[in-house]
Amino acid sequence: MIDALNDELSLAAPLTVTVESCGEPNGFYDLDARAIIMCSAFEDHLFEMAKQLN
């Protein structure tokens, strides 16, 4: 999936994406680190939302 995104997006500088335990279903962008931090609880949250759609 990441390779497919890399083929579609052209960024001016590298962007790091990490998954961390944040204690909440969320995600953040750290401007100084040029990083997206996805909270591990967000995956469960998305799964529950998808179940509600079906």
C-alpha atoms as a PDB file:
ATOM      1  CA  MET A   1       0.000   0.000   0.000  1.00  0.00           C
ATOM      2  CA  ILE A   2       2.800   2.437   0.864  1.00  0.00           C
ATOM      3  CA  ASP A   3       4.514   1.766  -2.463  1.00  0.00           C
ATOM      4  CA  ALA A   4       1.267   2.551  -4.291  1.00  0.00           C
ATOM      5  CA  LEU A   5       0.921   5.829  -2.396  1.00  0.00           C
ATOM      6  CA  ASN A   6       4.525   6.711  -3.160  1.00  0.00           C
ATOM      7  CA  ASP A   7       3.783   6.206  -6.859  1.00  0.00           C
ATOM      8  CA  GLU A   8       0.836   8.629  -6.641  1.00  0.00           C
ATOM      9  CA  LEU A   9       2.301  11.347  -4.411  1.00  0.00           C
ATOM     10  CA  SER A  10       5.283  13.539  -5.061  1.00  0.00           C
ATOM     11  CA  LEU A  11       6.421  15.340  -1.916  1.00  0.00           C
ATOM     12  CA  ALA A  12       9.099  18.021  -1.754  1.00  0.00           C
ATOM     13  CA  ALA A  13      10.726  16.352   1.265  1.00  0.00           C
ATOM     14  CA  PRO A  14      10.527  12.990   3.057  1.00  0.00           C
ATOM     15  CA  LEU A  15       7.530  12.436   5.330  1.00  0.00           C
ATOM     16  CA  THR A  16       7.653   9.900   8.144  1.00  0.00           C
ATOM     17  CA  VAL A  17       4.528   7.981   9.184  1.00  0.00           C
ATOM     18  CA  THR A  18       4.573   6.127  12.501  1.00  0.00           C
ATOM     19  CA  VAL A  19       2.040   4.245  14.608  1.00  0.00           C
ATOM     20  CA  GLU A  20       2.204   4.900  18.335  1.00  0.00           C
ATOM     21  CA  SER A  21       0.143   4.282  21.444  1.00  0.00           C
ATOM     22  CA  CYS A  22      -1.515   7.642  22.167  1.00  0.00           C
ATOM     23  CA  GLY A  23      -4.356   6.506  24.400  1.00  0.00           C
ATOM     24  CA  GLU A  24      -7.003   7.777  21.979  1.00  0.00           C
ATOM     25  CA  PRO A  25      -8.247   7.053  18.437  1.00  0.00           C
ATOM     26  CA  ASN A  26      -6.576   9.920  16.617  1.00  0.00           C
ATOM     27  CA  GLY A  27      -3.731  10.998  14.393  1.00  0.00           C
ATOM     28  CA  PHE A  28      -1.453  14.010  14.418  1.00  0.00           C
ATOM     29  CA  TYR A  29       0.971  15.871  12.187  1.00  0.00           C
ATOM     30  CA  ASP A  30       4.237  16.985  13.791  1.00  0.00           C
ATOM     31  CA  LEU A  31       5.383  19.987  11.762  1.00  0.00           C
ATOM     32  CA  ASP A  32       8.891  20.094  13.233  1.00  0.00           C
ATOM     33  CA  ALA A  33       9.547  16.395  12.609  1.00  0.00           C
ATOM     34  CA  ARG A  34       7.656  16.311   9.277  1.00  0.00           C
ATOM     35  CA  ALA A  35       5.874  13.229  10.576  1.00  0.00           C
ATOM     36  CA  ILE A  36       2.370  11.830  10.755  1.00  0.00           C
ATOM     37  CA  ILE A  37       1.699   9.980  14.003  1.00  0.00           C
ATOM     38  CA  MET A  38      -1.215   7.569  13.806  1.00  0.00           C
ATOM     39  CA  CYS A  39      -2.509   6.369  17.161  1.00  0.00           C
ATOM     40  CA  SER A  40      -2.865   2.593  17.362  1.00  0.00           C
ATOM     41  CA  ALA A  41      -6.395   2.959  18.782  1.00  0.00           C
ATOM     42  CA  PHE A  42      -7.406   4.652  15.513  1.00  0.00           C
ATOM     43  CA  GLU A  43      -7.305   1.304  13.688  1.00  0.00           C
ATOM     44  CA  ASP A  44      -9.896  -0.161  16.084  1.00  0.00           C
ATOM     45  CA  HIS A  45     -12.000   2.990  15.723  1.00  0.00           C
ATOM     46  CA  LEU A  46     -11.983   2.724  11.907  1.00  0.00           C
ATOM     47  CA  PHE A  47     -12.849  -0.979  12.098  1.00  0.00           C
ATOM     48  CA  GLU A  48     -15.866  -0.227  14.312  1.00  0.00           C
ATOM     49  CA  MET A  49     -17.004   2.546  11.963  1.00  0.00           C
ATOM     50  CA  ALA A  50     -16.742   0.180   8.979  1.00  0.00           C
ATOM     51  CA  LYS A  51     -18.834  -2.448  10.794  1.00  0.00           C
ATOM     52  CA  GLN A  52     -21.565   0.145  11.341  1.00  0.00           C
ATOM     53  CA  LEU A  53     -21.698   0.876   7.603  1.00  0.00           C
ATOM     54  CA  ASN A  54     -22.492  -2.746   6.756  1.00  0.00           C
END
